[in-house]
């Protein structure tokens, strides 16, 4: 799998995107063995969304490279939560 755990990935996400909220309450991360991808669960009040983050994208982000895709994913999640689409 990977050299980091769900808490480290969540911390990296919230470090890069502090407006997304806090790990454990607004955002949770878990590895889905069936999908072979990380599931980023974003919660905002009564609304919530899940996004699958491919292993290669999570690895790049943790390595400090190519976090743009993750940022776009998170921005899309936030916009969807607030009823706005790209």
PDB file of N, CA and C in Angstrom:
ATOM      1  N   UNK A   1       0.844  -1.178   0.000  1.00  0.00           N
ATOM      2  CA  UNK A   1       0.000   0.000   0.000  1.00  0.00           C
ATOM      3  C   UNK A   1       0.884   1.234   0.000  1.00  0.00           C
ATOM      4  N   UNK A   2       0.932   1.980   1.086  1.00  0.00           N
ATOM      5  CA  UNK A   2       1.693   3.226   1.100  1.00  0.00           C
ATOM      6  C   UNK A   2       2.566   3.305   2.338  1.00  0.00           C
ATOM      7  N   UNK A   3       3.426   4.277   2.358  1.00  0.00           N
ATOM      8  CA  UNK A   3       4.357   4.472   3.459  1.00  0.00           C
ATOM      9  C   UNK A   3       3.801   5.450   4.499  1.00  0.00           C
ATOM     10  N   UNK A   4       2.558   5.845   4.366  1.00  0.00           N
ATOM     11  CA  UNK A   4       1.910   6.774   5.294  1.00  0.00           C
ATOM     12  C   UNK A   4       0.536   6.208   5.655  1.00  0.00           C
ATOM     13  N   UNK A   5      -0.026   6.754   6.709  1.00  0.00           N
ATOM     14  CA  UNK A   5      -1.349   6.273   7.120  1.00  0.00           C
ATOM     15  C   UNK A   5      -2.410   7.340   6.863  1.00  0.00           C
ATOM     16  N   UNK A   6      -3.645   6.996   7.195  1.00  0.00           N
ATOM     17  CA  UNK A   6      -4.761   7.899   6.913  1.00  0.00           C
ATOM     18  C   UNK A   6      -4.649   9.221   7.651  1.00  0.00           C
ATOM     19  N   UNK A   7      -4.115   9.197   8.864  1.00  0.00           N
ATOM     20  CA  UNK A   7      -3.979  10.442   9.618  1.00  0.00           C
ATOM     21  C   UNK A   7      -2.941  11.365   8.972  1.00  0.00           C
ATOM     22  N   UNK A   8      -1.846  10.784   8.506  1.00  0.00           N
ATOM     23  CA  UNK A   8      -0.815  11.591   7.840  1.00  0.00           C
ATOM     24  C   UNK A   8      -1.349  12.206   6.549  1.00  0.00           C
ATOM     25  N   UNK A   9      -2.114  11.434   5.780  1.00  0.00           N
ATOM     26  CA  UNK A   9      -2.687  11.968   4.547  1.00  0.00           C
ATOM     27  C   UNK A   9      -3.703  13.066   4.858  1.00  0.00           C
ATOM     28  N   UNK A  10      -4.535  12.841   5.858  1.00  0.00           N
ATOM     29  CA  UNK A  10      -5.504  13.859   6.247  1.00  0.00           C
ATOM     30  C   UNK A  10      -4.790  15.135   6.695  1.00  0.00           C
ATOM     31  N   UNK A  11      -3.749  14.994   7.484  1.00  0.00           N
ATOM     32  CA  UNK A  11      -2.981  16.149   7.949  1.00  0.00           C
ATOM     33  C   UNK A  11      -2.362  16.898   6.771  1.00  0.00           C
ATOM     34  N   UNK A  12      -1.834  16.165   5.800  1.00  0.00           N
ATOM     35  CA  UNK A  12      -1.249  16.795   4.612  1.00  0.00           C
ATOM     36  C   UNK A  12      -2.319  17.576   3.850  1.00  0.00           C
ATOM     37  N   UNK A  13      -3.500  16.995   3.700  1.00  0.00           N
ATOM     38  CA  UNK A  13      -4.595  17.667   2.998  1.00  0.00           C
ATOM     39  C   UNK A  13      -4.986  18.952   3.723  1.00  0.00           C
ATOM     40  N   UNK A  14      -5.141  18.883   5.042  1.00  0.00           N
ATOM     41  CA  UNK A  14      -5.558  20.076   5.783  1.00  0.00           C
ATOM     42  C   UNK A  14      -4.445  21.109   5.899  1.00  0.00           C
ATOM     43  N   UNK A  15      -3.202  20.675   5.801  1.00  0.00           N
ATOM     44  CA  UNK A  15      -2.086  21.627   5.783  1.00  0.00           C
ATOM     45  C   UNK A  15      -2.091  22.414   4.471  1.00  0.00           C
ATOM     46  N   UNK A  16      -2.324  21.708   3.385  1.00  0.00           N
ATOM     47  CA  UNK A  16      -2.341  22.358   2.075  1.00  0.00           C
ATOM     48  C   UNK A  16      -3.603  23.190   1.864  1.00  0.00           C
ATOM     49  N   UNK A  17      -4.694  22.736   2.444  1.00  0.00           N
ATOM     50  CA  UNK A  17      -5.993  23.384   2.239  1.00  0.00           C
ATOM     51  C   UNK A  17      -6.663  23.599   3.593  1.00  0.00           C
ATOM     52  N   UNK A  18      -6.172  24.565   4.377  1.00  0.00           N
ATOM     53  CA  UNK A  18      -6.677  24.750   5.739  1.00  0.00           C
ATOM     54  C   UNK A  18      -8.154  25.133   5.817  1.00  0.00           C
ATOM     55  N   UNK A  19      -8.706  25.698   4.772  1.00  0.00           N
ATOM     56  CA  UNK A  19     -10.114  26.102   4.807  1.00  0.00           C
ATOM     57  C   UNK A  19     -11.072  24.922   4.675  1.00  0.00           C
ATOM     58  N   UNK A  20     -10.543  23.741   4.446  1.00  0.00           N
ATOM     59  CA  UNK A  20     -11.406  22.566   4.288  1.00  0.00           C
ATOM     60  C   UNK A  20     -11.940  22.065   5.629  1.00  0.00           C
ATOM     61  N   UNK A  21     -11.262  22.405   6.702  1.00  0.00           N
ATOM     62  CA  UNK A  21     -11.722  21.991   8.024  1.00  0.00           C
ATOM     63  C   UNK A  21     -10.669  21.184   8.770  1.00  0.00           C
ATOM     64  N   UNK A  22     -11.137  20.435   9.751  1.00  0.00           N
ATOM     65  CA  UNK A  22     -10.236  19.683  10.616  1.00  0.00           C
ATOM     66  C   UNK A  22     -10.376  18.185  10.402  1.00  0.00           C
ATOM     67  N   UNK A  23      -9.263  17.493  10.527  1.00  0.00           N
ATOM     68  CA  UNK A  23      -9.275  16.033  10.449  1.00  0.00           C
ATOM     69  C   UNK A  23     -10.114  15.481  11.600  1.00  0.00           C
ATOM     70  N   UNK A  24     -10.882  14.481  11.283  1.00  0.00           N
ATOM     71  CA  UNK A  24     -11.679  13.828  12.300  1.00  0.00           C
ATOM     72  C   UNK A  24     -13.062  14.405  12.474  1.00  0.00           C
ATOM     73  N   UNK A  25     -13.259  15.664  12.087  1.00  0.00           N
ATOM     74  CA  UNK A  25     -14.602  16.236  12.201  1.00  0.00           C
ATOM     75  C   UNK A  25     -15.135  16.656  10.828  1.00  0.00           C
ATOM     76  N   UNK A  26     -14.390  17.469  10.100  1.00  0.00           N
ATOM     77  CA  UNK A  26     -14.835  17.944   8.790  1.00  0.00           C
ATOM     78  C   UNK A  26     -14.343  17.055   7.649  1.00  0.00           C
ATOM     79  N   UNK A  27     -13.228  16.401   7.872  1.00  0.00           N
ATOM     80  CA  UNK A  27     -12.634  15.558   6.838  1.00  0.00           C
ATOM     81  C   UNK A  27     -12.087  14.282   7.469  1.00  0.00           C
ATOM     82  N   UNK A  28     -12.384  13.175   6.829  1.00  0.00           N
ATOM     83  CA  UNK A  28     -11.798  11.902   7.232  1.00  0.00           C
ATOM     84  C   UNK A  28     -11.248  11.221   5.992  1.00  0.00           C
ATOM     85  N   UNK A  29     -10.256  10.399   6.202  1.00  0.00           N
ATOM     86  CA  UNK A  29      -9.603   9.696   5.114  1.00  0.00           C
ATOM     87  C   UNK A  29      -9.502   8.228   5.500  1.00  0.00           C
ATOM     88  N   UNK A  30      -9.804   7.360   4.555  1.00  0.00           N
ATOM     89  CA  UNK A  30      -9.689   5.923   4.786  1.00  0.00           C
ATOM     90  C   UNK A  30      -9.272   5.257   3.480  1.00  0.00           C
ATOM     91  N   UNK A  31      -8.583   4.134   3.598  1.00  0.00           N
ATOM     92  CA  UNK A  31      -8.191   3.392   2.400  1.00  0.00           C
ATOM     93  C   UNK A  31      -9.238   2.339   2.099  1.00  0.00           C
ATOM     94  N   UNK A  32      -9.716   2.320   0.869  1.00  0.00           N
ATOM     95  CA  UNK A  32     -10.704   1.345   0.432  1.00  0.00           C
ATOM     96  C   UNK A  32      -9.984   0.236  -0.331  1.00  0.00           C
ATOM     97  N   UNK A  33      -9.893  -0.930   0.292  1.00  0.00           N
ATOM     98  CA  UNK A  33      -9.178  -2.060  -0.315  1.00  0.00           C
ATOM     99  C   UNK A  33      -9.819  -2.499  -1.631  1.00  0.00           C
ATOM    100  N   UNK A  34     -11.130  -2.484  -1.687  1.00  0.00           N
ATOM    101  CA  UNK A  34     -11.828  -2.925  -2.888  1.00  0.00           C
ATOM    102  C   UNK A  34     -11.538  -2.004  -4.064  1.00  0.00           C
ATOM    103  N   UNK A  35     -11.566  -0.695  -3.825  1.00  0.00           N
ATOM    104  CA  UNK A  35     -11.326   0.282  -4.885  1.00  0.00           C
ATOM    105  C   UNK A  35      -9.841   0.551  -5.105  1.00  0.00           C
ATOM    106  N   UNK A  36      -9.024   0.141  -4.149  1.00  0.00           N
ATOM    107  CA  UNK A  36      -7.579   0.417  -4.190  1.00  0.00           C
ATOM    108  C   UNK A  36      -7.316   1.910  -4.316  1.00  0.00           C
ATOM    109  N   UNK A  37      -8.045   2.675  -3.500  1.00  0.00           N
ATOM    110  CA  UNK A  37      -7.927   4.138  -3.514  1.00  0.00           C
ATOM    111  C   UNK A  37      -8.274   4.666  -2.129  1.00  0.00           C
ATOM    112  N   UNK A  38      -7.839   5.885  -1.867  1.00  0.00           N
ATOM    113  CA  UNK A  38      -8.183   6.562  -0.614  1.00  0.00           C
ATOM    114  C   UNK A  38      -9.552   7.208  -0.783  1.00  0.00           C
ATOM    115  N   UNK A  39     -10.360   7.137   0.241  1.00  0.00           N
ATOM    116  CA  UNK A  39     -11.653   7.803   0.248  1.00  0.00           C
ATOM    117  C   UNK A  39     -11.523   9.032   1.140  1.00  0.00           C
ATOM    118  N   UNK A  40     -11.731  10.191   0.541  1.00  0.00           N
ATOM    119  CA  UNK A  40     -11.713  11.441   1.292  1.00  0.00           C
ATOM    120  C   UNK A  40     -13.178  11.807   1.546  1.00  0.00           C
ATOM    121  N   UNK A  41     -13.571  11.808   2.803  1.00  0.00           N
ATOM    122  CA  UNK A  41     -14.949  12.129   3.186  1.00  0.00           C
ATOM    123  C   UNK A  41     -14.953  13.554   3.730  1.00  0.00           C
ATOM    124  N   UNK A  42     -15.709  14.403   3.058  1.00  0.00           N
ATOM    125  CA  UNK A  42     -15.794  15.812   3.422  1.00  0.00           C
ATOM    126  C   UNK A  42     -17.183  16.094   3.968  1.00  0.00           C
ATOM    127  N   UNK A  43     -17.238  16.745   5.110  1.00  0.00           N
ATOM    128  CA  UNK A  43     -18.511  17.064   5.755  1.00  0.00           C
ATOM    129  C   UNK A  43     -18.587  18.567   5.986  1.00  0.00           C
ATOM    130  N   UNK A  44     -19.747  19.115   5.677  1.00  0.00           N
ATOM    131  CA  UNK A  44     -19.999  20.540   5.892  1.00  0.00           C
ATOM    132  C   UNK A  44     -21.439  20.671   6.363  1.00  0.00           C
ATOM    133  N   UNK A  45     -21.633  20.807   7.655  1.00  0.00           N
ATOM    134  CA  UNK A  45     -22.978  20.847   8.214  1.00  0.00           C
ATOM    135  C   UNK A  45     -23.698  19.536   7.937  1.00  0.00           C
ATOM    136  N   UNK A  46     -24.912  19.620   7.387  1.00  0.00           N
ATOM    137  CA  UNK A  46     -25.669  18.400   7.112  1.00  0.00           C
ATOM    138  C   UNK A  46     -25.249  17.715   5.804  1.00  0.00           C
ATOM    139  N   UNK A  47     -24.360  18.339   5.047  1.00  0.00           N
ATOM    140  CA  UNK A  47     -23.944  17.816   3.751  1.00  0.00           C
ATOM    141  C   UNK A  47     -22.632  17.052   3.872  1.00  0.00           C
ATOM    142  N   UNK A  48     -22.505  16.009   3.069  1.00  0.00           N
ATOM    143  CA  UNK A  48     -21.246  15.275   3.034  1.00  0.00           C
ATOM    144  C   UNK A  48     -21.048  14.665   1.651  1.00  0.00           C
ATOM    145  N   UNK A  49     -19.796  14.485   1.306  1.00  0.00           N
ATOM    146  CA  UNK A  49     -19.424  13.885   0.025  1.00  0.00           C
ATOM    147  C   UNK A  49     -18.219  12.985   0.219  1.00  0.00           C
ATOM    148  N   UNK A  50     -18.131  11.946  -0.599  1.00  0.00           N
ATOM    149  CA  UNK A  50     -16.956  11.083  -0.627  1.00  0.00           C
ATOM    150  C   UNK A  50     -16.274  11.228  -1.968  1.00  0.00           C
ATOM    151  N   UNK A  51     -14.958  11.230  -1.937  1.00  0.00           N
ATOM    152  CA  UNK A  51     -14.180  11.304  -3.174  1.00  0.00           C
ATOM    153  C   UNK A  51     -13.085  10.259  -3.120  1.00  0.00           C
ATOM    154  N   UNK A  52     -12.917   9.524  -4.210  1.00  0.00           N
ATOM    155  CA  UNK A  52     -11.845   8.537  -4.291  1.00  0.00           C
ATOM    156  C   UNK A  52     -10.594   9.206  -4.836  1.00  0.00           C
ATOM    157  N   UNK A  53      -9.537   9.118  -4.065  1.00  0.00           N
ATOM    158  CA  UNK A  53      -8.244   9.679  -4.443  1.00  0.00           C
ATOM    159  C   UNK A  53      -7.330   8.503  -4.783  1.00  0.00           C
ATOM    160  N   UNK A  54      -6.960   8.406  -6.035  1.00  0.00           N
ATOM    161  CA  UNK A  54      -6.125   7.294  -6.481  1.00  0.00           C
ATOM    162  C   UNK A  54      -4.798   7.283  -5.716  1.00  0.00           C
ATOM    163  N   UNK A  55      -4.269   6.092  -5.516  1.00  0.00           N
ATOM    164  CA  UNK A  55      -3.031   5.922  -4.751  1.00  0.00           C
ATOM    165  C   UNK A  55      -1.892   6.763  -5.314  1.00  0.00           C
ATOM    166  N   UNK A  56      -1.752   6.783  -6.622  1.00  0.00           N
ATOM    167  CA  UNK A  56      -0.655   7.539  -7.236  1.00  0.00           C
ATOM    168  C   UNK A  56      -0.788   9.037  -6.956  1.00  0.00           C
ATOM    169  N   UNK A  57      -2.013   9.551  -6.936  1.00  0.00           N
ATOM    170  CA  UNK A  57      -2.236  10.972  -6.643  1.00  0.00           C
ATOM    171  C   UNK A  57      -1.952  11.279  -5.181  1.00  0.00           C
ATOM    172  N   UNK A  58      -2.363  10.380  -4.296  1.00  0.00           N
ATOM    173  CA  UNK A  58      -2.080  10.558  -2.870  1.00  0.00           C
ATOM    174  C   UNK A  58      -0.570  10.517  -2.613  1.00  0.00           C
ATOM    175  N   UNK A  59       0.116   9.585  -3.280  1.00  0.00           N
ATOM    176  CA  UNK A  59       1.572   9.485  -3.127  1.00  0.00           C
ATOM    177  C   UNK A  59       2.266  10.773  -3.577  1.00  0.00           C
ATOM    178  N   UNK A  60       1.852  11.294  -4.720  1.00  0.00           N
ATOM    179  CA  UNK A  60       2.455  12.526  -5.232  1.00  0.00           C
ATOM    180  C   UNK A  60       2.252  13.678  -4.269  1.00  0.00           C
ATOM    181  N   UNK A  61       1.082  13.771  -3.714  1.00  0.00           N
ATOM    182  CA  UNK A  61       0.794  14.839  -2.766  1.00  0.00           C
ATOM    183  C   UNK A  61       1.665  14.697  -1.519  1.00  0.00           C
ATOM    184  N   UNK A  62       1.763  13.493  -1.008  1.00  0.00           N
ATOM    185  CA  UNK A  62       2.571  13.262   0.188  1.00  0.00           C
ATOM    186  C   UNK A  62       4.051  13.538  -0.081  1.00  0.00           C
ATOM    187  N   UNK A  63       4.482  13.352  -1.328  1.00  0.00           N
ATOM    188  CA  UNK A  63       5.865  13.625  -1.716  1.00  0.00           C
ATOM    189  C   UNK A  63       6.098  15.092  -2.023  1.00  0.00           C
ATOM    190  N   UNK A  64       5.039  15.912  -1.931  1.00  0.00           N
ATOM    191  CA  UNK A  64       5.168  17.337  -2.209  1.00  0.00           C
ATOM    192  C   UNK A  64       5.145  17.664  -3.685  1.00  0.00           C
ATOM    193  N   UNK A  65       4.664  16.734  -4.493  1.00  0.00           N
ATOM    194  CA  UNK A  65       4.591  16.940  -5.940  1.00  0.00           C
ATOM    195  C   UNK A  65       3.152  16.798  -6.407  1.00  0.00           C
ATOM    196  N   UNK A  66       2.812  17.489  -7.459  1.00  0.00           N
ATOM    197  CA  UNK A  66       1.532  17.310  -8.128  1.00  0.00           C
ATOM    198  C   UNK A  66       0.326  17.341  -7.191  1.00  0.00           C
ATOM    199  N   UNK A  67       0.284  18.280  -6.282  1.00  0.00           N
ATOM    200  CA  UNK A  67      -0.882  18.413  -5.405  1.00  0.00           C
ATOM    201  C   UNK A  67      -1.996  19.199  -6.070  1.00  0.00           C
ATOM    202  N   UNK A  68      -1.764  19.653  -7.278  1.00  0.00           N
ATOM    203  CA  UNK A  68      -2.761  20.439  -8.000  1.00  0.00           C
ATOM    204  C   UNK A  68      -4.042  19.635  -8.191  1.00  0.00           C
ATOM    205  N   UNK A  69      -3.902  18.387  -8.588  1.00  0.00           N
ATOM    206  CA  UNK A  69      -5.080  17.545  -8.791  1.00  0.00           C
ATOM    207  C   UNK A  69      -5.890  17.392  -7.524  1.00  0.00           C
ATOM    208  N   UNK A  70      -5.220  17.202  -6.420  1.00  0.00           N
ATOM    209  CA  UNK A  70      -5.908  17.084  -5.143  1.00  0.00           C
ATOM    210  C   UNK A  70      -6.620  18.386  -4.808  1.00  0.00           C
ATOM    211  N   UNK A  71      -5.961  19.500  -5.043  1.00  0.00           N
ATOM    212  CA  UNK A  71      -6.578  20.801  -4.779  1.00  0.00           C
ATOM    213  C   UNK A  71      -7.825  21.020  -5.615  1.00  0.00           C
ATOM    214  N   UNK A  72      -7.760  20.625  -6.874  1.00  0.00           N
ATOM    215  CA  UNK A  72      -8.929  20.751  -7.742  1.00  0.00           C
ATOM    216  C   UNK A  72     -10.061  19.854  -7.256  1.00  0.00           C
ATOM    217  N   UNK A  73      -9.705  18.651  -6.814  1.00  0.00           N
ATOM    218  CA  UNK A  73     -10.711  17.738  -6.282  1.00  0.00           C
ATOM    219  C   UNK A  73     -11.389  18.338  -5.049  1.00  0.00           C
ATOM    220  N   UNK A  74     -10.597  18.886  -4.160  1.00  0.00           N
ATOM    221  CA  UNK A  74     -11.138  19.467  -2.934  1.00  0.00           C
ATOM    222  C   UNK A  74     -11.984  20.690  -3.255  1.00  0.00           C
ATOM    223  N   UNK A  75     -11.524  21.526  -4.176  1.00  0.00           N
ATOM    224  CA  UNK A  75     -12.311  22.693  -4.578  1.00  0.00           C
ATOM    225  C   UNK A  75     -13.651  22.253  -5.162  1.00  0.00           C
ATOM    226  N   UNK A  76     -13.631  21.197  -5.957  1.00  0.00           N
ATOM    227  CA  UNK A  76     -14.866  20.687  -6.541  1.00  0.00           C
ATOM    228  C   UNK A  76     -15.795  20.157  -5.449  1.00  0.00           C
ATOM    229  N   UNK A  77     -15.238  19.448  -4.484  1.00  0.00           N
ATOM    230  CA  UNK A  77     -16.050  18.952  -3.378  1.00  0.00           C
ATOM    231  C   UNK A  77     -16.715  20.100  -2.630  1.00  0.00           C
ATOM    232  N   UNK A  78     -15.945  21.148  -2.324  1.00  0.00           N
ATOM    233  CA  UNK A  78     -16.491  22.296  -1.602  1.00  0.00           C
ATOM    234  C   UNK A  78     -17.583  22.981  -2.422  1.00  0.00           C
ATOM    235  N   UNK A  79     -17.368  23.149  -3.717  1.00  0.00           N
ATOM    236  CA  UNK A  79     -18.366  23.783  -4.561  1.00  0.00           C
ATOM    237  C   UNK A  79     -19.627  22.937  -4.620  1.00  0.00           C
ATOM    238  N   UNK A  80     -19.470  21.621  -4.717  1.00  0.00           N
ATOM    239  CA  UNK A  80     -20.629  20.735  -4.752  1.00  0.00           C
ATOM    240  C   UNK A  80     -21.423  20.822  -3.446  1.00  0.00           C
ATOM    241  N   UNK A  81     -20.722  20.908  -2.341  1.00  0.00           N
ATOM    242  CA  UNK A  81     -21.392  21.007  -1.055  1.00  0.00           C
ATOM    243  C   UNK A  81     -22.235  22.259  -0.956  1.00  0.00           C
ATOM    244  N   UNK A  82     -21.778  23.295  -1.613  1.00  0.00           N
ATOM    245  CA  UNK A  82     -22.493  24.571  -1.536  1.00  0.00           C
ATOM    246  C   UNK A  82     -23.405  24.788  -2.745  1.00  0.00           C
ATOM    247  N   UNK A  83     -23.642  23.715  -3.503  1.00  0.00           N
ATOM    248  CA  UNK A  83     -24.594  23.765  -4.609  1.00  0.00           C
ATOM    249  C   UNK A  83     -24.100  24.463  -5.846  1.00  0.00           C
ATOM    250  N   UNK A  84     -22.796  24.590  -6.001  1.00  0.00           N
ATOM    251  CA  UNK A  84     -22.227  25.248  -7.170  1.00  0.00           C
ATOM    252  C   UNK A  84     -21.448  24.218  -7.972  1.00  0.00           C
ATOM    253  N   UNK A  85     -21.578  24.247  -9.261  1.00  0.00           N
ATOM    254  CA  UNK A  85     -20.858  23.344 -10.149  1.00  0.00           C
ATOM    255  C   UNK A  85     -19.857  24.143 -10.983  1.00  0.00           C
ATOM    256  N   UNK A  86     -18.797  23.466 -11.446  1.00  0.00           N
ATOM    257  CA  UNK A  86     -17.862  24.122 -12.361  1.00  0.00           C
ATOM    258  C   UNK A  86     -18.556  24.380 -13.675  1.00  0.00           C
TER     259      UNK A  86
END
